[in-house]
PDB file of N, CA and C in Angstrom:
ATOM      1  N   GLN A   1       0.840  -1.174   0.000  1.00  0.00           N
ATOM      2  CA  GLN A   1       0.000   0.000   0.000  1.00  0.00           C
ATOM      3  C   GLN A   1       0.886   1.237   0.000  1.00  0.00           C
ATOM      4  N   LEU A   2       0.501   2.256  -0.756  1.00  0.00           N
ATOM      5  CA  LEU A   2       1.275   3.488  -0.860  1.00  0.00           C
ATOM      6  C   LEU A   2       0.897   4.434   0.271  1.00  0.00           C
ATOM      7  N   LYS A   3       1.886   4.862   1.031  1.00  0.00           N
ATOM      8  CA  LYS A   3       1.700   5.850   2.094  1.00  0.00           C
ATOM      9  C   LYS A   3       2.416   7.118   1.663  1.00  0.00           C
ATOM     10  N   GLN A   4       1.792   8.280   1.930  1.00  0.00           N
ATOM     11  CA  GLN A   4       2.401   9.549   1.552  1.00  0.00           C
ATOM     12  C   GLN A   4       2.739  10.358   2.792  1.00  0.00           C
ATOM     13  N   ILE A   5       3.909  10.979   2.763  1.00  0.00           N
ATOM     14  CA  ILE A   5       4.365  11.852   3.842  1.00  0.00           C
ATOM     15  C   ILE A   5       4.630  13.213   3.227  1.00  0.00           C
ATOM     16  N   ARG A   6       4.109  14.283   3.852  1.00  0.00           N
ATOM     17  CA  ARG A   6       4.316  15.644   3.362  1.00  0.00           C
ATOM     18  C   ARG A   6       5.293  16.379   4.265  1.00  0.00           C
ATOM     19  N   LEU A   7       6.226  17.080   3.635  1.00  0.00           N
ATOM     20  CA  LEU A   7       7.218  17.875   4.351  1.00  0.00           C
ATOM     21  C   LEU A   7       7.291  19.261   3.728  1.00  0.00           C
ATOM     22  N   SER A   8       7.956  20.176   4.433  1.00  0.00           N
ATOM     23  CA  SER A   8       8.302  21.462   3.844  1.00  0.00           C
ATOM     24  C   SER A   8       9.804  21.656   4.020  1.00  0.00           C
ATOM     25  N   PRO A   9      10.427  22.490   3.197  1.00  0.00           N
ATOM     26  CA  PRO A   9      11.881  22.631   3.278  1.00  0.00           C
ATOM     27  C   PRO A   9      12.373  23.256   4.578  1.00  0.00           C
ATOM     28  N   ASN A  10      11.524  23.988   5.290  1.00  0.00           N
ATOM     29  CA  ASN A  10      11.955  24.593   6.549  1.00  0.00           C
ATOM     30  C   ASN A  10      11.388  23.834   7.750  1.00  0.00           C
ATOM     31  N   ILE A  11      11.393  22.514   7.675  1.00  0.00           N
ATOM     32  CA  ILE A  11      10.882  21.663   8.743  1.00  0.00           C
ATOM     33  C   ILE A  11      11.876  21.662   9.911  1.00  0.00           C
ATOM     34  N   GLY A  12      11.345  21.627  11.132  1.00  0.00           N
ATOM     35  CA  GLY A  12      12.189  21.591  12.322  1.00  0.00           C
ATOM     36  C   GLY A  12      12.791  20.217  12.536  1.00  0.00           C
ATOM     37  N   LYS A  13      13.840  20.159  13.361  1.00  0.00           N
ATOM     38  CA  LYS A  13      14.532  18.888  13.597  1.00  0.00           C
ATOM     39  C   LYS A  13      13.614  17.848  14.227  1.00  0.00           C
ATOM     40  N   HIS A  14      12.845  18.259  15.241  1.00  0.00           N
ATOM     41  CA  HIS A  14      11.964  17.301  15.916  1.00  0.00           C
ATOM     42  C   HIS A  14      10.867  16.814  14.977  1.00  0.00           C
ATOM     43  N   ASP A  15      10.296  17.731  14.206  1.00  0.00           N
ATOM     44  CA  ASP A  15       9.246  17.351  13.254  1.00  0.00           C
ATOM     45  C   ASP A  15       9.787  16.389  12.199  1.00  0.00           C
ATOM     46  N   LEU A  16      11.006  16.647  11.736  1.00  0.00           N
ATOM     47  CA  LEU A  16      11.628  15.761  10.754  1.00  0.00           C
ATOM     48  C   LEU A  16      11.874  14.381  11.356  1.00  0.00           C
ATOM     49  N   GLN A  17      12.310  14.337  12.617  1.00  0.00           N
ATOM     50  CA  GLN A  17      12.548  13.055  13.277  1.00  0.00           C
ATOM     51  C   GLN A  17      11.237  12.275  13.424  1.00  0.00           C
ATOM     52  N   PHE A  18      10.155  12.974  13.757  1.00  0.00           N
ATOM     53  CA  PHE A  18       8.847  12.340  13.891  1.00  0.00           C
ATOM     54  C   PHE A  18       8.403  11.743  12.554  1.00  0.00           C
ATOM     55  N   LYS A  19       8.522  12.517  11.474  1.00  0.00           N
ATOM     56  CA  LYS A  19       8.143  12.032  10.141  1.00  0.00           C
ATOM     57  C   LYS A  19       9.037  10.859   9.725  1.00  0.00           C
ATOM     58  N   PHE A  20      10.331  10.950  10.060  1.00  0.00           N
ATOM     59  CA  PHE A  20      11.275   9.880   9.747  1.00  0.00           C
ATOM     60  C   PHE A  20      10.847   8.580  10.424  1.00  0.00           C
ATOM     61  N   ASN A  21      10.462   8.663  11.692  1.00  0.00           N
ATOM     62  CA  ASN A  21      10.024   7.469  12.421  1.00  0.00           C
ATOM     63  C   ASN A  21       8.765   6.875  11.803  1.00  0.00           C
ATOM     64  N   ARG A  22       7.847   7.726  11.340  1.00  0.00           N
ATOM     65  CA  ARG A  22       6.636   7.242  10.672  1.00  0.00           C
ATOM     66  C   ARG A  22       6.991   6.510   9.370  1.00  0.00           C
ATOM     67  N   MET A  23       7.906   7.102   8.595  1.00  0.00           N
ATOM     68  CA  MET A  23       8.329   6.467   7.339  1.00  0.00           C
ATOM     69  C   MET A  23       8.967   5.115   7.611  1.00  0.00           C
ATOM     70  N   LYS A  24       9.831   5.068   8.604  1.00  0.00           N
ATOM     71  CA  LYS A  24      10.524   3.823   8.939  1.00  0.00           C
ATOM     72  C   LYS A  24       9.519   2.751   9.350  1.00  0.00           C
ATOM     73  N   GLY A  25       8.509   3.138  10.140  1.00  0.00           N
ATOM     74  CA  GLY A  25       7.472   2.193  10.546  1.00  0.00           C
ATOM     75  C   GLY A  25       6.690   1.653   9.362  1.00  0.00           C
ATOM     76  N   PHE A  26       6.311   2.532   8.439  1.00  0.00           N
ATOM     77  CA  PHE A  26       5.585   2.098   7.246  1.00  0.00           C
ATOM     78  C   PHE A  26       6.426   1.128   6.423  1.00  0.00           C
ATOM     79  N   LEU A  27       7.700   1.452   6.241  1.00  0.00           N
ATOM     80  CA  LEU A  27       8.582   0.604   5.430  1.00  0.00           C
ATOM     81  C   LEU A  27       8.804  -0.751   6.087  1.00  0.00           C
ATOM     82  N   GLU A  28       8.931  -0.778   7.414  1.00  0.00           N
ATOM     83  CA  GLU A  28       9.120  -2.045   8.118  1.00  0.00           C
ATOM     84  C   GLU A  28       7.891  -2.936   8.009  1.00  0.00           C
ATOM     85  N   LYS A  29       6.718  -2.320   7.838  1.00  0.00           N
ATOM     86  CA  LYS A  29       5.485  -3.095   7.656  1.00  0.00           C
ATOM     87  C   LYS A  29       5.291  -3.521   6.202  1.00  0.00           C
ATOM     88  N   GLY A  30       6.190  -3.091   5.312  1.00  0.00           N
ATOM     89  CA  GLY A  30       6.118  -3.514   3.915  1.00  0.00           C
ATOM     90  C   GLY A  30       5.404  -2.554   2.989  1.00  0.00           C
ATOM     91  N   HIS A  31       5.086  -1.339   3.460  1.00  0.00           N
ATOM     92  CA  HIS A  31       4.402  -0.354   2.625  1.00  0.00           C
ATOM     93  C   HIS A  31       5.408   0.446   1.802  1.00  0.00           C
ATOM     94  N   THR A  32       4.964   0.931   0.662  1.00  0.00           N
ATOM     95  CA  THR A  32       5.747   1.856  -0.149  1.00  0.00           C
ATOM     96  C   THR A  32       5.460   3.261   0.354  1.00  0.00           C
ATOM     97  N   VAL A  33       6.487   4.113   0.425  1.00  0.00           N
ATOM     98  CA  VAL A  33       6.320   5.467   0.957  1.00  0.00           C
ATOM     99  C   VAL A  33       6.704   6.485  -0.109  1.00  0.00           C
ATOM    100  N   LYS A  34       5.796   7.435  -0.357  1.00  0.00           N
ATOM    101  CA  LYS A  34       6.087   8.551  -1.251  1.00  0.00           C
ATOM    102  C   LYS A  34       6.266   9.789  -0.380  1.00  0.00           C
ATOM    103  N   VAL A  35       7.424  10.418  -0.483  1.00  0.00           N
ATOM    104  CA  VAL A  35       7.737  11.602   0.313  1.00  0.00           C
ATOM    105  C   VAL A  35       7.561  12.822  -0.579  1.00  0.00           C
ATOM    106  N   ASN A  36       6.649  13.719  -0.201  1.00  0.00           N
ATOM    107  CA  ASN A  36       6.378  14.940  -0.954  1.00  0.00           C
ATOM    108  C   ASN A  36       6.864  16.139  -0.153  1.00  0.00           C
ATOM    109  N   MET A  37       7.693  16.967  -0.763  1.00  0.00           N
ATOM    110  CA  MET A  37       8.124  18.206  -0.131  1.00  0.00           C
ATOM    111  C   MET A  37       7.514  19.355  -0.914  1.00  0.00           C
ATOM    112  N   MET A  38       6.701  20.165  -0.230  1.00  0.00           N
ATOM    113  CA  MET A  38       5.984  21.249  -0.893  1.00  0.00           C
ATOM    114  C   MET A  38       6.766  22.554  -0.780  1.00  0.00           C
ATOM    115  N   PHE A  39       6.916  23.233  -1.910  1.00  0.00           N
ATOM    116  CA  PHE A  39       7.606  24.514  -1.963  1.00  0.00           C
ATOM    117  C   PHE A  39       6.590  25.605  -2.265  1.00  0.00           C
ATOM    118  N   ARG A  40       6.605  26.665  -1.451  1.00  0.00           N
ATOM    119  CA  ARG A  40       5.689  27.785  -1.656  1.00  0.00           C
ATOM    120  C   ARG A  40       6.492  29.066  -1.864  1.00  0.00           C
ATOM    121  N   GLY A  41       6.024  29.900  -2.743  1.00  0.00           N
ATOM    122  CA  GLY A  41       6.616  31.224  -2.934  1.00  0.00           C
ATOM    123  C   GLY A  41       8.116  31.200  -3.128  1.00  0.00           C
ATOM    124  N   ARG A  42       8.815  31.916  -2.255  1.00  0.00           N
ATOM    125  CA  ARG A  42      10.269  32.041  -2.378  1.00  0.00           C
ATOM    126  C   ARG A  42      11.019  30.768  -2.032  1.00  0.00           C
ATOM    127  N   GLN A  43      10.356  29.838  -1.424  1.00  0.00           N
ATOM    128  CA  GLN A  43      11.010  28.557  -1.130  1.00  0.00           C
ATOM    129  C   GLN A  43      11.445  27.870  -2.421  1.00  0.00           C
ATOM    130  N   ARG A  44      10.775  28.181  -3.522  1.00  0.00           N
ATOM    131  CA  ARG A  44      11.100  27.550  -4.807  1.00  0.00           C
ATOM    132  C   ARG A  44      12.472  27.975  -5.319  1.00  0.00           C
ATOM    133  N   GLU A  45      13.031  29.049  -4.765  1.00  0.00           N
ATOM    134  CA  GLU A  45      14.369  29.483  -5.156  1.00  0.00           C
ATOM    135  C   GLU A  45      15.449  28.652  -4.471  1.00  0.00           C
ATOM    136  N   HIS A  46      15.073  27.887  -3.454  1.00  0.00           N
ATOM    137  CA  HIS A  46      16.039  27.118  -2.667  1.00  0.00           C
ATOM    138  C   HIS A  46      15.735  25.627  -2.752  1.00  0.00           C
ATOM    139  N   LEU A  47      15.674  25.110  -3.953  1.00  0.00           N
ATOM    140  CA  LEU A  47      15.390  23.689  -4.153  1.00  0.00           C
ATOM    141  C   LEU A  47      16.499  22.808  -3.588  1.00  0.00           C
ATOM    142  N   ASP A  48      17.716  23.343  -3.526  1.00  0.00           N
ATOM    143  CA  ASP A  48      18.842  22.563  -3.017  1.00  0.00           C
ATOM    144  C   ASP A  48      18.650  22.180  -1.556  1.00  0.00           C
ATOM    145  N   VAL A  49      18.015  23.047  -0.764  1.00  0.00           N
ATOM    146  CA  VAL A  49      17.759  22.742   0.652  1.00  0.00           C
ATOM    147  C   VAL A  49      16.823  21.543   0.764  1.00  0.00           C
ATOM    148  N   GLY A  50      15.761  21.551  -0.017  1.00  0.00           N
ATOM    149  CA  GLY A  50      14.815  20.440  -0.004  1.00  0.00           C
ATOM    150  C   GLY A  50      15.438  19.142  -0.488  1.00  0.00           C
ATOM    151  N   LYS A  51      16.260  19.247  -1.518  1.00  0.00           N
ATOM    152  CA  LYS A  51      16.906  18.047  -2.052  1.00  0.00           C
ATOM    153  C   LYS A  51      17.865  17.449  -1.027  1.00  0.00           C
ATOM    154  N   GLU A  52      18.582  18.296  -0.279  1.00  0.00           N
ATOM    155  CA  GLU A  52      19.482  17.809   0.769  1.00  0.00           C
ATOM    156  C   GLU A  52      18.712  17.048   1.840  1.00  0.00           C
ATOM    157  N   ILE A  53      17.546  17.564   2.225  1.00  0.00           N
ATOM    158  CA  ILE A  53      16.724  16.893   3.240  1.00  0.00           C
ATOM    159  C   ILE A  53      16.278  15.528   2.730  1.00  0.00           C
ATOM    160  N   LEU A  54      15.790  15.467   1.496  1.00  0.00           N
ATOM    161  CA  LEU A  54      15.322  14.197   0.936  1.00  0.00           C
ATOM    162  C   LEU A  54      16.460  13.190   0.782  1.00  0.00           C
ATOM    163  N   ILE A  55      17.625  13.649   0.365  1.00  0.00           N
ATOM    164  CA  ILE A  55      18.773  12.746   0.236  1.00  0.00           C
ATOM    165  C   ILE A  55      19.209  12.253   1.608  1.00  0.00           C
ATOM    166  N   GLY A  56      19.144  13.131   2.619  1.00  0.00           N
ATOM    167  CA  GLY A  56      19.465  12.713   3.987  1.00  0.00           C
ATOM    168  C   GLY A  56      18.516  11.639   4.488  1.00  0.00           C
ATOM    169  N   ILE A  57      17.229  11.790   4.189  1.00  0.00           N
ATOM    170  CA  ILE A  57      16.240  10.778   4.570  1.00  0.00           C
ATOM    171  C   ILE A  57      16.555   9.461   3.869  1.00  0.00           C
ATOM    172  N   MET A  58      16.888   9.545   2.583  1.00  0.00           N
ATOM    173  CA  MET A  58      17.197   8.348   1.805  1.00  0.00           C
ATOM    174  C   MET A  58      18.406   7.616   2.404  1.00  0.00           C
ATOM    175  N   ARG A  59      19.433   8.357   2.790  1.00  0.00           N
ATOM    176  CA  ARG A  59      20.632   7.736   3.377  1.00  0.00           C
ATOM    177  C   ARG A  59      20.324   7.088   4.718  1.00  0.00           C
ATOM    178  N   GLU A  60      19.515   7.754   5.540  1.00  0.00           N
ATOM    179  CA  GLU A  60      19.180   7.218   6.863  1.00  0.00           C
ATOM    180  C   GLU A  60      18.340   5.946   6.759  1.00  0.00           C
ATOM    181  N   LEU A  61      17.523   5.853   5.724  1.00  0.00           N
ATOM    182  CA  LEU A  61      16.631   4.705   5.569  1.00  0.00           C
ATOM    183  C   LEU A  61      17.227   3.591   4.709  1.00  0.00           C
ATOM    184  N   GLU A  62      18.488   3.712   4.311  1.00  0.00           N
ATOM    185  CA  GLU A  62      19.118   2.686   3.466  1.00  0.00           C
ATOM    186  C   GLU A  62      19.035   1.273   4.029  1.00  0.00           C
ATOM    187  N   PRO A  63      19.189   1.055   5.351  1.00  0.00           N
ATOM    188  CA  PRO A  63      19.089  -0.318   5.855  1.00  0.00           C
ATOM    189  C   PRO A  63      17.692  -0.926   5.688  1.00  0.00           C
ATOM    190  N   VAL A  64      16.666  -0.074   5.621  1.00  0.00           N
ATOM    191  CA  VAL A  64      15.284  -0.543   5.587  1.00  0.00           C
ATOM    192  C   VAL A  64      14.676  -0.459   4.192  1.00  0.00           C
ATOM    193  N   ALA A  65      15.115   0.537   3.397  1.00  0.00           N
ATOM    194  CA  ALA A  65      14.450   0.804   2.118  1.00  0.00           C
ATOM    195  C   ALA A  65      15.446   1.145   1.025  1.00  0.00           C
ATOM    196  N   SER A  66      14.959   1.029  -0.202  1.00  0.00           N
ATOM    197  CA  SER A  66      15.727   1.491  -1.348  1.00  0.00           C
ATOM    198  C   SER A  66      14.877   2.507  -2.105  1.00  0.00           C
ATOM    199  N   CYS A  67      15.535   3.365  -2.838  1.00  0.00           N
ATOM    200  CA  CYS A  67      14.849   4.446  -3.540  1.00  0.00           C
ATOM    201  C   CYS A  67      14.394   3.960  -4.913  1.00  0.00           C
ATOM    202  N   GLN A  68      13.081   3.958  -5.130  1.00  0.00           N
ATOM    203  CA  GLN A  68      12.541   3.542  -6.422  1.00  0.00           C
ATOM    204  C   GLN A  68      12.671   4.672  -7.440  1.00  0.00           C
ATOM    205  N   SER A  69      12.413   5.903  -6.992  1.00  0.00           N
ATOM    206  CA  SER A  69      12.616   7.058  -7.865  1.00  0.00           C
ATOM    207  C   SER A  69      13.303   8.155  -7.056  1.00  0.00           C
ATOM    208  N   PRO A  70      14.389   8.718  -7.563  1.00  0.00           N
ATOM    209  CA  PRO A  70      15.130   9.756  -6.837  1.00  0.00           C
ATOM    210  C   PRO A  70      14.312  11.040  -6.746  1.00  0.00           C
ATOM    211  N   PRO A  71      14.742  12.006  -5.919  1.00  0.00           N
ATOM    212  CA  PRO A  71      13.995  13.261  -5.788  1.00  0.00           C
ATOM    213  C   PRO A  71      13.836  13.977  -7.130  1.00  0.00           C
ATOM    214  N   VAL A  72      12.580  14.237  -7.488  1.00  0.00           N
ATOM    215  CA  VAL A  72      12.238  14.899  -8.751  1.00  0.00           C
ATOM    216  C   VAL A  72      11.312  16.064  -8.439  1.00  0.00           C
ATOM    217  N   PHE A  73      11.558  17.225  -9.066  1.00  0.00           N
ATOM    218  CA  PHE A  73      10.726  18.403  -8.842  1.00  0.00           C
ATOM    219  C   PHE A  73       9.654  18.486  -9.917  1.00  0.00           C
ATOM    220  N   GLU A  74       8.383  18.542  -9.482  1.00  0.00           N
ATOM    221  CA  GLU A  74       7.239  18.659 -10.390  1.00  0.00           C
ATOM    222  C   GLU A  74       6.269  19.678  -9.819  1.00  0.00           C
ATOM    223  N   GLY A  75       6.042  20.767 -10.522  1.00  0.00           N
ATOM    224  CA  GLY A  75       5.104  21.779 -10.055  1.00  0.00           C
ATOM    225  C   GLY A  75       5.584  22.447  -8.782  1.00  0.00           C
ATOM    226  N   PHE A  76       4.839  22.258  -7.689  1.00  0.00           N
ATOM    227  CA  PHE A  76       5.214  22.821  -6.400  1.00  0.00           C
ATOM    228  C   PHE A  76       5.835  21.785  -5.479  1.00  0.00           C
ATOM    229  N   TYR A  77       5.965  20.547  -5.952  1.00  0.00           N
ATOM    230  CA  TYR A  77       6.425  19.450  -5.102  1.00  0.00           C
ATOM    231  C   TYR A  77       7.726  18.844  -5.604  1.00  0.00           C
ATOM    232  N   MET A  78       8.566  18.442  -4.652  1.00  0.00           N
ATOM    233  CA  MET A  78       9.702  17.581  -4.949  1.00  0.00           C
ATOM    234  C   MET A  78       9.374  16.269  -4.263  1.00  0.00           C
ATOM    235  N   SER A  79       9.413  15.184  -5.002  1.00  0.00           N
ATOM    236  CA  SER A  79       8.997  13.918  -4.416  1.00  0.00           C
ATOM    237  C   SER A  79       9.956  12.796  -4.760  1.00  0.00           C
ATOM    238  N   MET A  80       9.938  11.773  -3.911  1.00  0.00           N
ATOM    239  CA  MET A  80      10.690  10.546  -4.158  1.00  0.00           C
ATOM    240  C   MET A  80       9.881   9.389  -3.602  1.00  0.00           C
ATOM    241  N   VAL A  81      10.137   8.196  -4.124  1.00  0.00           N
ATOM    242  CA  VAL A  81       9.410   7.002  -3.704  1.00  0.00           C
ATOM    243  C   VAL A  81      10.404   6.013  -3.108  1.00  0.00           C
ATOM    244  N   LEU A  82      10.084   5.522  -1.911  1.00  0.00           N
ATOM    245  CA  LEU A  82      10.911   4.538  -1.222  1.00  0.00           C
ATOM    246  C   LEU A  82      10.152   3.225  -1.127  1.00  0.00           C
ATOM    247  N   VAL A  83      10.837   2.133  -1.421  1.00  0.00           N
ATOM    248  CA  VAL A  83      10.235   0.803  -1.316  1.00  0.00           C
ATOM    249  C   VAL A  83      11.019  -0.006  -0.287  1.00  0.00           C
ATOM    250  N   PRO A  84      10.331  -0.872   0.455  1.00  0.00           N
ATOM    251  CA  PRO A  84      11.040  -1.673   1.462  1.00  0.00           C
ATOM    252  C   PRO A  84      11.997  -2.657   0.809  1.00  0.00           C
ATOM    253  N   ASN A  85      13.112  -2.907   1.488  1.00  0.00           N
ATOM    254  CA  ASN A  85      14.063  -3.914   1.010  1.00  0.00           C
ATOM    255  C   ASN A  85      13.437  -5.285   1.133  1.00  0.00           C
ATOM    256  N   SER A  86      13.712  -6.153   0.184  1.00  0.00           N
ATOM    257  CA  SER A  86      13.110  -7.488   0.198  1.00  0.00           C
ATOM    258  C   SER A  86      13.776  -8.395   1.216  1.00  0.00           C
ATOM    259  N   GLU A  87      15.104  -8.236   1.446  1.00  0.00           N
ATOM    260  CA  GLU A  87      15.748  -9.104   2.412  1.00  0.00           C
ATOM    261  C   GLU A  87      15.319  -8.713   3.819  1.00  0.00           C
ATOM    262  N   GLY A  88      15.089  -9.707   4.625  1.00  0.00           N
ATOM    263  CA  GLY A  88      14.654  -9.462   5.995  1.00  0.00           C
ATOM    264  C   GLY A  88      13.151  -9.398   6.130  1.00  0.00           C
ATOM    265  N   LYS A  89      12.436  -9.182   5.041  1.00  0.00           N
ATOM    266  CA  LYS A  89      10.984  -9.115   5.108  1.00  0.00           C
ATOM    267  C   LYS A  89      10.431 -10.522   5.280  1.00  0.00           C
ATOM    268  N   GLY A  90       9.545 -10.688   6.227  1.00  0.00           N
ATOM    269  CA  GLY A  90       8.925 -11.981   6.447  1.00  0.00           C
ATOM    270  C   GLY A  90       9.586 -12.804   7.529  1.00  0.00           C
ATOM    271  N   LYS A  91      10.733 -12.387   8.019  1.00  0.00           N
ATOM    272  CA  LYS A  91      11.414 -13.162   9.054  1.00  0.00           C
ATOM    273  C   LYS A  91      10.723 -13.040  10.407  1.00  0.00           C
ATOM    274  N   ASN A  92      10.233 -11.848  10.718  1.00  0.00           N
ATOM    275  CA  ASN A  92       9.612 -11.612  12.017  1.00  0.00           C
ATOM    276  C   ASN A  92       8.114 -11.376  11.890  1.00  0.00           C
ATOM    277  N   ASP A  93       7.491 -11.996  10.922  1.00  0.00           N
ATOM    278  CA  ASP A  93       6.075 -11.767  10.669  1.00  0.00           C
ATOM    279  C   ASP A  93       5.144 -12.667  11.468  1.00  0.00           C
ATOM    280  N   GLY A  94       5.649 -13.355  12.440  1.00  0.00           N
ATOM    281  CA  GLY A  94       4.765 -14.179  13.263  1.00  0.00           C
ATOM    282  C   GLY A  94       5.235 -15.613  13.326  1.00  0.00           C
ATOM    283  N   PRO A  95       4.388 -16.486  13.906  1.00  0.00           N
ATOM    284  CA  PRO A  95       4.794 -17.881  14.102  1.00  0.00           C
ATOM    285  C   PRO A  95       4.868 -18.689  12.837  1.00  0.00           C
TER     286      PRO A  95
END
């Protein structure tokens, strides 16, 4: 199932950590996660800040997920899709 997470480029550290934990939980359950970063007004001049955040998320989630599509800017959103890694899935799914 596809789960979507919305971020903004000026997200706080605690808020980012909370969203990161949600993404990790979804991926561990086997869901695909689409991360959308919304840019408004002058934020669109600083796409590099948003891309750094998304790449940082991708690096942190490498043990759990792989990137199906890298960060791409479309309209007002920069988005990427993360899929759970196949190895390790199903080992702790019950008796």
